[in-house]
Amino acid sequence: MKISIWAAIILIIVGLYDLAIVFNRRDQLNKRIIGKSLALKKRRNALLAYLIVGIILTISGIILLFVH
């Protein structure tokens, strides 16, 4: 299966961008949300989703870069 190097680079860039979003908002991720509003819990869950997707995309891009 032929994989373009550009696809691997795009995956790495998007993954690093997602990780940068989480890094810039890490104070929201570490706050204790016990007894807080539902909006804060949803925001924390959204940041965790960005973290997971960023890790997956970055690792996938690195793997595709070496497979190429």
Foldseek 3Di string as FASTA:
>chain_A
DDDDLVQLVVLQVQLVVLVVVLVVVVVLLPDDCVPHDPVSVVVNVVNVVSNVSSVVSNVVSVVVNVVD
